[in-house]
PDB file of all heavy atoms in Angstrom:
ATOM      1  N   ASP A   1     172.348 134.390 133.941  1.00  0.00           N
ATOM      2  CA  ASP A   1     173.087 133.658 132.880  1.00  0.00           C
ATOM      3  C   ASP A   1     173.944 132.470 133.435  1.00  0.00           C
ATOM      4  O   ASP A   1     174.415 131.702 132.623  1.00  0.00           O
ATOM      5  CB  ASP A   1     173.778 134.594 131.895  1.00  0.00           C
ATOM      6  CG  ASP A   1     172.871 135.503 131.294  1.00  0.00           C
ATOM      7  OD1 ASP A   1     171.782 135.124 130.725  1.00  0.00           O
ATOM      8  OD2 ASP A   1     173.150 136.622 131.009  1.00  0.00           O
ATOM      9  N   THR A   2     174.229 132.600 134.603  1.00  0.00           N
ATOM     10  CA  THR A   2     175.169 131.645 135.204  1.00  0.00           C
ATOM     11  C   THR A   2     174.689 130.199 135.012  1.00  0.00           C
ATOM     12  O   THR A   2     173.540 129.877 135.339  1.00  0.00           O
ATOM     13  CB  THR A   2     175.319 131.708 136.692  1.00  0.00           C
ATOM     14  OG1 THR A   2     175.962 133.160 136.896  1.00  0.00           O
ATOM     15  CG2 THR A   2     176.156 130.755 137.296  1.00  0.00           C
ATOM     16  N   ALA A   3     175.427 129.286 134.485  1.00  0.00           N
ATOM     17  CA  ALA A   3     175.003 128.017 134.054  1.00  0.00           C
ATOM     18  C   ALA A   3     176.131 127.165 133.417  1.00  0.00           C
ATOM     19  O   ALA A   3     177.081 127.822 133.180  1.00  0.00           O
ATOM     20  CB  ALA A   3     173.720 127.932 133.219  1.00  0.00           C
ATOM     21  N   VAL A   4     175.919 125.876 133.266  1.00  0.00           N
ATOM     22  CA  VAL A   4     176.856 125.130 132.435  1.00  0.00           C
ATOM     23  C   VAL A   4     176.239 125.234 131.055  1.00  0.00           C
ATOM     24  O   VAL A   4     175.032 124.875 130.873  1.00  0.00           O
ATOM     25  CB  VAL A   4     176.995 123.665 132.930  1.00  0.00           C
ATOM     26  CG1 VAL A   4     177.774 122.933 132.025  1.00  0.00           C
ATOM     27  CG2 VAL A   4     177.561 123.619 134.458  1.00  0.00           C
ATOM     28  N   TYR A   5     177.123 125.616 130.200  1.00  0.00           N
ATOM     29  CA  TYR A   5     176.603 125.729 128.732  1.00  0.00           C
ATOM     30  C   TYR A   5     177.090 124.584 128.015  1.00  0.00           C
ATOM     31  O   TYR A   5     178.359 124.280 128.038  1.00  0.00           O
ATOM     32  CB  TYR A   5     177.270 127.007 128.157  1.00  0.00           C
ATOM     33  CG  TYR A   5     176.385 128.381 128.620  1.00  0.00           C
ATOM     34  CD1 TYR A   5     176.541 128.678 129.944  1.00  0.00           C
ATOM     35  CD2 TYR A   5     175.594 128.934 127.789  1.00  0.00           C
ATOM     36  CE1 TYR A   5     175.816 129.798 130.284  1.00  0.00           C
ATOM     37  CE2 TYR A   5     174.838 130.017 128.106  1.00  0.00           C
ATOM     38  CZ  TYR A   5     174.929 130.554 129.540  1.00  0.00           C
ATOM     39  OH  TYR A   5     174.220 131.609 129.933  1.00  0.00           O
ATOM     40  N   TYR A   6     176.188 124.012 127.147  1.00  0.00           N
ATOM     41  CA  TYR A   6     176.519 122.695 126.383  1.00  0.00           C
ATOM     42  C   TYR A   6     176.338 123.062 124.892  1.00  0.00           C
ATOM     43  O   TYR A   6     175.221 123.660 124.446  1.00  0.00           O
ATOM     44  CB  TYR A   6     175.613 121.563 126.768  1.00  0.00           C
ATOM     45  CG  TYR A   6     175.738 121.101 128.236  1.00  0.00           C
ATOM     46  CD1 TYR A   6     174.990 121.710 129.199  1.00  0.00           C
ATOM     47  CD2 TYR A   6     176.721 120.220 128.530  1.00  0.00           C
ATOM     48  CE1 TYR A   6     175.237 121.249 130.545  1.00  0.00           C
ATOM     49  CE2 TYR A   6     176.875 119.684 129.831  1.00  0.00           C
ATOM     50  CZ  TYR A   6     176.119 120.254 130.837  1.00  0.00           C
ATOM     51  OH  TYR A   6     176.306 119.788 132.176  1.00  0.00           O
ATOM     52  N   CYS A   7     177.240 122.574 124.106  1.00  0.00           N
ATOM     53  CA  CYS A   7     177.056 122.646 122.628  1.00  0.00           C
ATOM     54  C   CYS A   7     176.313 121.373 122.274  1.00  0.00           C
ATOM     55  O   CYS A   7     176.517 120.236 122.849  1.00  0.00           O
ATOM     56  CB  CYS A   7     178.476 122.631 122.015  1.00  0.00           C
ATOM     57  SG  CYS A   7     178.491 122.634 120.305  1.00  0.00           S
ATOM     58  N   ASN A   8     175.484 121.553 121.315  1.00  0.00           N
ATOM     59  CA  ASN A   8     174.682 120.395 120.729  1.00  0.00           C
ATOM     60  C   ASN A   8     174.637 120.589 119.272  1.00  0.00           C
ATOM     61  O   ASN A   8     174.602 121.581 118.731  1.00  0.00           O
ATOM     62  CB  ASN A   8     173.315 120.490 121.336  1.00  0.00           C
ATOM     63  CG  ASN A   8     172.322 119.597 120.470  1.00  0.00           C
ATOM     64  OD1 ASN A   8     171.738 119.873 119.482  1.00  0.00           O
ATOM     65  ND2 ASN A   8     172.095 118.468 121.274  1.00  0.00           N
ATOM     66  N   VAL A   9     174.884 119.393 118.653  1.00  0.00           N
ATOM     67  CA  VAL A   9     174.922 119.287 117.177  1.00  0.00           C
ATOM     68  C   VAL A   9     174.069 118.067 116.737  1.00  0.00           C
ATOM     69  O   VAL A   9     173.969 117.084 117.396  1.00  0.00           O
ATOM     70  CB  VAL A   9     176.392 119.112 116.577  1.00  0.00           C
ATOM     71  CG1 VAL A   9     177.247 120.198 116.987  1.00  0.00           C
ATOM     72  CG2 VAL A   9     176.966 117.784 116.916  1.00  0.00           C
ATOM     73  N   ARG A  10     173.513 118.323 115.591  1.00  0.00           N
ATOM     74  CA  ARG A  10     172.730 117.241 114.827  1.00  0.00           C
ATOM     75  C   ARG A  10     173.177 116.982 113.515  1.00  0.00           C
ATOM     76  O   ARG A  10     173.393 117.978 112.802  1.00  0.00           O
ATOM     77  CB  ARG A  10     171.220 117.565 114.971  1.00  0.00           C
ATOM     78  CG  ARG A  10     170.251 116.458 114.455  1.00  0.00           C
ATOM     79  CD  ARG A  10     168.851 116.698 114.817  1.00  0.00           C
ATOM     80  NE  ARG A  10     168.593 116.504 116.243  1.00  0.00           N
ATOM     81  CZ  ARG A  10     167.391 116.618 116.834  1.00  0.00           C
ATOM     82  NH1 ARG A  10     166.392 116.881 116.140  1.00  0.00           N
ATOM     83  NH2 ARG A  10     167.341 116.428 118.178  1.00  0.00           N
ATOM     84  N   LEU A  11     173.383 115.852 113.251  1.00  0.00           N
ATOM     85  CA  LEU A  11     173.956 115.473 111.797  1.00  0.00           C
ATOM     86  C   LEU A  11     172.991 115.148 110.840  1.00  0.00           C
ATOM     87  O   LEU A  11     173.327 114.953 109.618  1.00  0.00           O
ATOM     88  CB  LEU A  11     174.887 114.340 112.002  1.00  0.00           C
ATOM     89  CG  LEU A  11     176.019 114.350 113.072  1.00  0.00           C
ATOM     90  CD1 LEU A  11     176.975 113.233 113.126  1.00  0.00           C
ATOM     91  CD2 LEU A  11     176.841 115.711 112.951  1.00  0.00           C
ATOM     92  N   GLY A  12     171.732 115.128 111.104  1.00  0.00           N
ATOM     93  CA  GLY A  12     170.674 114.841 110.175  1.00  0.00           C
ATOM     94  C   GLY A  12     169.314 115.101 110.738  1.00  0.00           C
ATOM     95  O   GLY A  12     169.182 115.258 111.998  1.00  0.00           O
ATOM     96  N   LEU A  13     168.337 115.078 109.948  1.00  0.00           N
ATOM     97  CA  LEU A  13     166.969 115.395 110.463  1.00  0.00           C
ATOM     98  C   LEU A  13     166.529 114.357 111.661  1.00  0.00           C
ATOM     99  O   LEU A  13     165.949 114.863 112.494  1.00  0.00           O
ATOM    100  CB  LEU A  13     165.987 115.219 109.254  1.00  0.00           C
ATOM    101  CG  LEU A  13     164.433 115.550 109.594  1.00  0.00           C
ATOM    102  CD1 LEU A  13     164.316 116.905 110.182  1.00  0.00           C
ATOM    103  CD2 LEU A  13     163.596 115.192 108.525  1.00  0.00           C
ATOM    104  N   LEU A  14     166.866 113.172 111.412  1.00  0.00           N
ATOM    105  CA  LEU A  14     166.504 112.133 112.405  1.00  0.00           C
ATOM    106  C   LEU A  14     167.668 111.596 113.171  1.00  0.00           C
ATOM    107  O   LEU A  14     167.538 110.508 113.865  1.00  0.00           O
ATOM    108  CB  LEU A  14     165.710 111.007 111.674  1.00  0.00           C
ATOM    109  CG  LEU A  14     164.483 111.368 110.943  1.00  0.00           C
ATOM    110  CD1 LEU A  14     163.907 110.147 110.241  1.00  0.00           C
ATOM    111  CD2 LEU A  14     163.515 112.021 111.931  1.00  0.00           C
ATOM    112  N   ALA A  15     168.697 112.345 113.086  1.00  0.00           N
ATOM    113  CA  ALA A  15     170.013 111.842 113.805  1.00  0.00           C
ATOM    114  C   ALA A  15     169.915 112.231 115.237  1.00  0.00           C
ATOM    115  O   ALA A  15     169.258 113.224 115.658  1.00  0.00           O
ATOM    116  CB  ALA A  15     171.139 112.387 113.221  1.00  0.00           C
ATOM    117  N   PRO A  16     170.631 111.456 116.111  1.00  0.00           N
ATOM    118  CA  PRO A  16     170.615 111.652 117.525  1.00  0.00           C
ATOM    119  C   PRO A  16     171.445 112.903 117.720  1.00  0.00           C
ATOM    120  O   PRO A  16     172.345 113.417 116.989  1.00  0.00           O
ATOM    121  CB  PRO A  16     171.174 110.412 118.082  1.00  0.00           C
ATOM    122  CG  PRO A  16     172.111 109.870 117.047  1.00  0.00           C
ATOM    123  CD  PRO A  16     171.344 110.170 115.879  1.00  0.00           C
ATOM    124  N   ASP A  17     171.305 113.619 119.034  1.00  0.00           N
ATOM    125  CA  ASP A  17     172.113 114.661 119.367  1.00  0.00           C
ATOM    126  C   ASP A  17     173.428 114.187 119.826  1.00  0.00           C
ATOM    127  O   ASP A  17     173.660 113.158 120.370  1.00  0.00           O
ATOM    128  CB  ASP A  17     171.375 115.426 120.597  1.00  0.00           C
ATOM    129  CG  ASP A  17     170.108 116.071 120.130  1.00  0.00           C
ATOM    130  OD1 ASP A  17     169.944 116.525 118.896  1.00  0.00           O
ATOM    131  OD2 ASP A  17     169.235 116.225 121.027  1.00  0.00           O
ATOM    132  N   HIS A  18     174.376 115.123 119.667  1.00  0.00           N
ATOM    133  CA  HIS A  18     175.675 115.003 120.081  1.00  0.00           C
ATOM    134  C   HIS A  18     176.012 116.228 121.160  1.00  0.00           C
ATOM    135  O   HIS A  18     175.610 117.384 120.699  1.00  0.00           O
ATOM    136  CB  HIS A  18     176.682 114.967 119.068  1.00  0.00           C
ATOM    137  CG  HIS A  18     176.687 113.738 118.197  1.00  0.00           C
ATOM    138  ND1 HIS A  18     177.498 112.609 118.456  1.00  0.00           N
ATOM    139  CD2 HIS A  18     175.911 113.362 117.093  1.00  0.00           C
ATOM    140  CE1 HIS A  18     177.153 111.651 117.571  1.00  0.00           C
ATOM    141  NE2 HIS A  18     176.174 112.091 116.717  1.00  0.00           N
ATOM    142  N   TRP A  19     176.586 115.981 122.189  1.00  0.00           N
ATOM    143  CA  TRP A  19     176.749 117.008 123.194  1.00  0.00           C
ATOM    144  C   TRP A  19     178.128 117.218 123.599  1.00  0.00           C
ATOM    145  O   TRP A  19     179.057 116.327 123.567  1.00  0.00           O
ATOM    146  CB  TRP A  19     176.002 116.613 124.598  1.00  0.00           C
ATOM    147  CG  TRP A  19     174.509 116.599 124.366  1.00  0.00           C
ATOM    148  CD1 TRP A  19     173.849 115.401 124.105  1.00  0.00           C
ATOM    149  CD2 TRP A  19     173.597 117.611 124.557  1.00  0.00           C
ATOM    150  NE1 TRP A  19     172.464 115.685 124.021  1.00  0.00           N
ATOM    151  CE2 TRP A  19     172.331 117.126 124.259  1.00  0.00           C
ATOM    152  CE3 TRP A  19     173.782 118.951 124.783  1.00  0.00           C
ATOM    153  CZ2 TRP A  19     171.161 117.888 124.429  1.00  0.00           C
ATOM    154  CZ3 TRP A  19     172.599 119.787 124.792  1.00  0.00           C
ATOM    155  CH2 TRP A  19     171.304 119.215 124.621  1.00  0.00           C
ATOM    156  N   GLY A  20     178.460 118.523 123.826  1.00  0.00           N
ATOM    157  CA  GLY A  20     179.827 118.831 124.234  1.00  0.00           C
ATOM    158  C   GLY A  20     179.933 118.532 125.714  1.00  0.00           C
ATOM    159  O   GLY A  20     178.951 118.137 126.409  1.00  0.00           O
ATOM    160  N   GLN A  21     181.184 118.757 126.256  1.00  0.00           N
ATOM    161  CA  GLN A  21     181.497 118.435 127.732  1.00  0.00           C
ATOM    162  C   GLN A  21     180.744 119.420 128.566  1.00  0.00           C
ATOM    163  O   GLN A  21     180.742 119.089 129.886  1.00  0.00           O
ATOM    164  CB  GLN A  21     182.845 118.201 127.959  1.00  0.00           C
ATOM    165  CG  GLN A  21     183.586 119.502 128.147  1.00  0.00           C
ATOM    166  CD  GLN A  21     184.026 120.192 126.989  1.00  0.00           C
ATOM    167  OE1 GLN A  21     183.621 119.900 125.829  1.00  0.00           O
ATOM    168  NE2 GLN A  21     184.883 121.214 126.968  1.00  0.00           N
ATOM    169  N   GLY A  22     180.466 120.553 128.179  1.00  0.00           N
ATOM    170  CA  GLY A  22     179.921 121.540 128.984  1.00  0.00           C
ATOM    171  C   GLY A  22     181.084 122.528 129.548  1.00  0.00           C
ATOM    172  O   GLY A  22     182.168 122.088 129.745  1.00  0.00           O
ATOM    173  N   THR A  23     180.651 123.811 129.598  1.00  0.00           N
ATOM    174  CA  THR A  23     181.622 124.837 130.016  1.00  0.00           C
ATOM    175  C   THR A  23     181.018 125.703 131.020  1.00  0.00           C
ATOM    176  O   THR A  23     179.830 126.220 130.787  1.00  0.00           O
ATOM    177  CB  THR A  23     182.359 125.612 128.938  1.00  0.00           C
ATOM    178  OG1 THR A  23     183.297 126.495 129.440  1.00  0.00           O
ATOM    179  CG2 THR A  23     181.332 126.316 128.126  1.00  0.00           C
ATOM    180  N   GLN A  24     181.558 125.923 132.153  1.00  0.00           N
ATOM    181  CA  GLN A  24     180.921 126.739 133.258  1.00  0.00           C
ATOM    182  C   GLN A  24     181.089 128.292 132.854  1.00  0.00           C
ATOM    183  O   GLN A  24     182.156 128.759 132.655  1.00  0.00           O
ATOM    184  CB  GLN A  24     181.535 126.478 134.494  1.00  0.00           C
ATOM    185  CG  GLN A  24     180.982 127.200 135.660  1.00  0.00           C
ATOM    186  CD  GLN A  24     179.553 126.914 136.062  1.00  0.00           C
ATOM    187  OE1 GLN A  24     179.234 125.686 136.256  1.00  0.00           O
ATOM    188  NE2 GLN A  24     178.640 127.945 136.167  1.00  0.00           N
ATOM    189  N   VAL A  25     179.794 128.956 132.872  1.00  0.00           N
ATOM    190  CA  VAL A  25     179.814 130.290 132.913  1.00  0.00           C
ATOM    191  C   VAL A  25     179.298 130.897 134.136  1.00  0.00           C
ATOM    192  O   VAL A  25     178.137 130.482 134.533  1.00  0.00           O
ATOM    193  CB  VAL A  25     178.915 130.800 131.667  1.00  0.00           C
ATOM    194  CG1 VAL A  25     178.811 132.378 131.692  1.00  0.00           C
ATOM    195  CG2 VAL A  25     179.630 130.414 130.329  1.00  0.00           C
ATOM    196  N   THR A  26     180.020 131.717 134.757  1.00  0.00           N
ATOM    197  CA  THR A  26     179.499 132.266 136.068  1.00  0.00           C
ATOM    198  C   THR A  26     179.708 133.841 135.952  1.00  0.00           C
ATOM    199  O   THR A  26     180.574 134.457 135.643  1.00  0.00           O
ATOM    200  CB  THR A  26     180.496 131.850 137.231  1.00  0.00           C
ATOM    201  OG1 THR A  26     180.454 130.363 137.323  1.00  0.00           O
ATOM    202  CG2 THR A  26     180.037 132.369 138.554  1.00  0.00           C
ATOM    203  N   VAL A  27     178.525 134.403 136.275  1.00  0.00           N
ATOM    204  CA  VAL A  27     178.433 135.907 136.142  1.00  0.00           C
ATOM    205  C   VAL A  27     178.162 136.386 137.593  1.00  0.00           C
ATOM    206  O   VAL A  27     177.062 136.159 138.173  1.00  0.00           O
ATOM    207  CB  VAL A  27     177.243 136.334 135.308  1.00  0.00           C
ATOM    208  CG1 VAL A  27     177.168 137.843 135.158  1.00  0.00           C
ATOM    209  CG2 VAL A  27     177.399 135.693 133.862  1.00  0.00           C
TER     210      VAL A  27
END
């Protein structure tokens, strides 16, 4: 599961993606 995790949001059906800055998870 170790990876950089990114949040993604979409504001509409055809809207572009918005991304978070990423947060490191290390197991």
